[in-house]
N, C-alpha and C. Protein backbone atom coordinates (compact mmCIF):
# COMPACT_ATOMS: atom_id res chain seq x y z
N MET A 1 92.99 109.46 105.69
CA MET A 1 93.27 108.30 104.90
C MET A 1 92.85 107.06 105.67
N LYS A 2 92.21 106.13 104.94
CA LYS A 2 91.80 104.87 105.55
C LYS A 2 92.25 103.72 104.65
N ILE A 3 92.90 102.74 105.24
CA ILE A 3 93.40 101.59 104.50
C ILE A 3 92.34 100.49 104.49
N LYS A 4 92.12 99.93 103.31
CA LYS A 4 91.21 98.79 103.16
C LYS A 4 92.03 97.61 102.67
N ALA A 5 91.77 96.44 103.24
CA ALA A 5 92.47 95.22 102.84
C ALA A 5 91.46 94.13 102.53
N ASP A 6 91.62 93.51 101.37
CA ASP A 6 90.77 92.39 100.96
C ASP A 6 91.56 91.11 101.22
N THR A 7 91.32 90.49 102.37
CA THR A 7 92.08 89.30 102.74
C THR A 7 91.77 88.11 101.83
N GLY A 8 90.63 88.12 101.18
CA GLY A 8 90.29 87.07 100.24
C GLY A 8 91.11 87.14 98.96
N ARG A 9 91.58 88.33 98.66
CA ARG A 9 92.39 88.56 97.45
C ARG A 9 93.89 88.46 97.74
N CYS A 10 94.26 88.66 98.98
CA CYS A 10 95.67 88.67 99.40
C CYS A 10 96.32 87.30 99.14
N ILE A 11 97.55 87.33 98.60
CA ILE A 11 98.28 86.09 98.34
C ILE A 11 99.43 85.88 99.34
N GLY A 12 99.55 86.79 100.30
CA GLY A 12 100.55 86.63 101.35
C GLY A 12 101.98 86.92 100.92
N ALA A 13 102.16 87.77 99.92
CA ALA A 13 103.50 88.09 99.44
C ALA A 13 104.32 88.86 100.48
N GLY A 14 103.65 89.65 101.31
CA GLY A 14 104.32 90.36 102.39
C GLY A 14 105.01 91.65 102.01
N MET A 15 104.78 92.14 100.81
CA MET A 15 105.41 93.40 100.39
C MET A 15 104.98 94.57 101.28
N CYS A 16 103.73 94.55 101.72
CA CYS A 16 103.24 95.62 102.58
C CYS A 16 103.98 95.63 103.91
N VAL A 17 104.20 94.45 104.46
CA VAL A 17 104.90 94.33 105.75
C VAL A 17 106.35 94.79 105.61
N LEU A 18 106.99 94.41 104.52
CA LEU A 18 108.37 94.82 104.29
C LEU A 18 108.48 96.33 104.10
N THR A 19 107.45 96.93 103.50
CA THR A 19 107.45 98.37 103.24
C THR A 19 107.11 99.18 104.47
N LEU A 20 106.16 98.70 105.27
CA LEU A 20 105.66 99.49 106.39
C LEU A 20 105.21 98.59 107.54
N PRO A 21 106.16 98.01 108.28
CA PRO A 21 105.80 97.05 109.33
C PRO A 21 105.03 97.64 110.51
N GLN A 22 105.05 98.94 110.67
CA GLN A 22 104.29 99.54 111.76
C GLN A 22 102.81 99.66 111.42
N VAL A 23 102.45 99.44 110.17
CA VAL A 23 101.05 99.54 109.74
C VAL A 23 100.49 98.18 109.31
N PHE A 24 101.35 97.32 108.75
CA PHE A 24 100.91 96.02 108.23
C PHE A 24 101.62 94.86 108.91
N ASP A 25 100.90 93.75 109.00
CA ASP A 25 101.48 92.50 109.49
C ASP A 25 100.85 91.38 108.67
N GLN A 26 101.27 90.15 108.95
CA GLN A 26 100.69 89.00 108.28
C GLN A 26 100.12 88.04 109.31
N SER A 27 99.01 87.42 108.95
CA SER A 27 98.34 86.46 109.82
C SER A 27 99.24 85.25 110.06
N GLU A 28 99.27 84.80 111.29
CA GLU A 28 100.02 83.58 111.63
C GLU A 28 99.40 82.35 110.96
N ASP A 29 98.08 82.39 110.73
CA ASP A 29 97.37 81.24 110.19
C ASP A 29 97.64 81.00 108.70
N ASP A 30 97.44 82.06 107.90
CA ASP A 30 97.53 81.86 106.45
C ASP A 30 98.42 82.87 105.73
N GLY A 31 99.04 83.77 106.46
CA GLY A 31 99.97 84.72 105.86
C GLY A 31 99.33 85.92 105.19
N THR A 32 98.00 86.01 105.26
CA THR A 32 97.34 87.16 104.63
C THR A 32 97.54 88.42 105.46
N VAL A 33 97.31 89.54 104.80
CA VAL A 33 97.56 90.85 105.40
C VAL A 33 96.68 91.10 106.63
N VAL A 34 97.29 91.73 107.62
CA VAL A 34 96.59 92.23 108.80
C VAL A 34 96.95 93.71 108.88
N VAL A 35 95.94 94.57 108.91
CA VAL A 35 96.18 96.00 109.02
C VAL A 35 96.23 96.35 110.50
N LEU A 36 97.38 96.81 110.96
CA LEU A 36 97.56 97.16 112.37
C LEU A 36 97.01 98.55 112.68
N ASP A 37 97.04 99.44 111.69
CA ASP A 37 96.57 100.82 111.88
C ASP A 37 95.82 101.24 110.61
N ALA A 38 94.50 101.09 110.61
CA ALA A 38 93.69 101.39 109.43
C ALA A 38 93.65 102.87 109.08
N GLU A 39 93.96 103.73 110.06
CA GLU A 39 93.97 105.17 109.81
C GLU A 39 95.30 105.74 110.32
N PRO A 40 96.38 105.46 109.60
CA PRO A 40 97.70 105.91 110.06
C PRO A 40 97.86 107.41 109.97
N PRO A 41 98.86 107.95 110.68
CA PRO A 41 99.10 109.39 110.64
C PRO A 41 99.47 109.87 109.23
N ALA A 42 99.18 111.11 108.97
CA ALA A 42 99.40 111.69 107.64
C ALA A 42 100.86 111.60 107.18
N ASP A 43 101.80 111.63 108.11
CA ASP A 43 103.21 111.58 107.70
C ASP A 43 103.59 110.22 107.11
N LEU A 44 102.76 109.20 107.30
CA LEU A 44 103.02 107.88 106.72
C LEU A 44 102.35 107.70 105.36
N ALA A 45 101.61 108.69 104.91
CA ALA A 45 100.86 108.58 103.66
C ALA A 45 101.71 108.15 102.46
N PRO A 46 102.88 108.72 102.24
CA PRO A 46 103.69 108.27 101.10
C PRO A 46 104.07 106.79 101.19
N ALA A 47 104.43 106.33 102.36
CA ALA A 47 104.82 104.92 102.53
C ALA A 47 103.61 104.00 102.39
N VAL A 48 102.44 104.43 102.87
CA VAL A 48 101.23 103.64 102.72
C VAL A 48 100.89 103.49 101.24
N LYS A 49 100.94 104.59 100.51
CA LYS A 49 100.64 104.55 99.08
C LYS A 49 101.64 103.67 98.34
N ARG A 50 102.88 103.67 98.75
CA ARG A 50 103.89 102.81 98.14
C ARG A 50 103.57 101.34 98.42
N ALA A 51 103.18 101.02 99.64
CA ALA A 51 102.82 99.65 99.99
C ALA A 51 101.63 99.17 99.17
N VAL A 52 100.66 100.04 98.96
CA VAL A 52 99.49 99.71 98.14
C VAL A 52 99.92 99.42 96.71
N GLN A 53 100.81 100.24 96.18
CA GLN A 53 101.31 100.05 94.81
C GLN A 53 102.08 98.75 94.66
N LEU A 54 102.82 98.37 95.67
CA LEU A 54 103.66 97.18 95.61
C LEU A 54 102.90 95.86 95.80
N CYS A 55 101.67 95.94 96.26
CA CYS A 55 100.89 94.74 96.52
C CYS A 55 100.61 94.00 95.20
N PRO A 56 101.18 92.80 95.02
CA PRO A 56 101.03 92.11 93.75
C PRO A 56 99.61 91.61 93.44
N SER A 57 98.80 91.44 94.47
CA SER A 57 97.44 90.93 94.25
C SER A 57 96.40 92.04 94.18
N GLY A 58 96.79 93.27 94.50
CA GLY A 58 95.84 94.37 94.52
C GLY A 58 94.87 94.30 95.68
N ALA A 59 95.29 93.64 96.76
CA ALA A 59 94.42 93.46 97.92
C ALA A 59 94.30 94.72 98.78
N LEU A 60 95.18 95.69 98.57
CA LEU A 60 95.16 96.90 99.40
C LEU A 60 94.66 98.10 98.62
N SER A 61 93.95 98.97 99.31
CA SER A 61 93.51 100.24 98.72
C SER A 61 93.45 101.29 99.83
N VAL A 62 93.39 102.53 99.39
CA VAL A 62 93.34 103.66 100.33
C VAL A 62 92.19 104.57 99.96
N GLU A 63 91.42 104.97 100.95
CA GLU A 63 90.38 105.99 100.79
C GLU A 63 90.89 107.27 101.40
N GLU A 64 90.81 108.34 100.65
CA GLU A 64 91.27 109.64 101.16
C GLU A 64 90.18 110.30 101.96
């Protein structure tokens, strides 16, 4: 699994960070998503998929 983030689309809601802080963070400059681990371990897959679903701007996606 590989996480893709479109920082141009991100609105800085922070749902990803609240859902999975070990994988996502927010930029100090503008609050947009920062992916800390683009290829997280398989055991985090359900939480990653949940974070992608919760993203209100659709800035996150996952490639299997």
